[in-house]
Amino acid sequence: MTTRPTAEIVSIGSELLSGDTIDTNSSHIARILRELGIELRFISAVSDDENLIAETVERGLSRSNVVITTGGVGPTVDDKTRAAVASATGHALRFRPHLLKQIESRFALWGRVMSENNRQQAYTPDGAIEIENPIGTAPCFMVEHGNSIVICLPGVPLEMIYLLDNNV
């Protein structure tokens, strides 16, 4: 008997819990998982709290083959997904100079000045597989953990959909 792979979605952002922002990302991800024959078991929304994000990802990794996060990989001070996933998977968070160059190139291409906050987007957990984001500034990543994987995508719906459909 073969068992289908299992997944869960972790939507990250305090705005999702306020009632003012609708989580459209989870429904798109759910449709893609269904098309791939992956059984979606849980969808969680969690505030921009590093410890709560890490706990939610750890719980997901303990019960599902795939955990997909959306949100919290941007340049603002409340974007804690990178550090939380590093903690949840037991990896150190490392600065990646080549990712910073990609981010700087995007800003140059758009004729905009990069803020110092964007520098935090150039960090990924050790051993992560990087996912370039050609339509935004937030590089994303995947991290294997035991028999599971966590895939971290941006919360901006246009970017999340593009990366999920084309790069993941």
Foldseek 3Di string as FASTA:
>chain_A
DDDAFEEEEEEEAPVCVPPPDPQPVVVVVVVVCVVVRYHYDYYHYDHLDLQVLLVVVLVRVVPGQEYEYEALLALDPSSRNQVSVLVNQVFDKDAAVVLVVVLCVVCVVVVHDDDPSLSSLRIHTPPWDWADQPVDSRIWTKDDHVSHIYTYFYNPNVSRVCCVVPPD
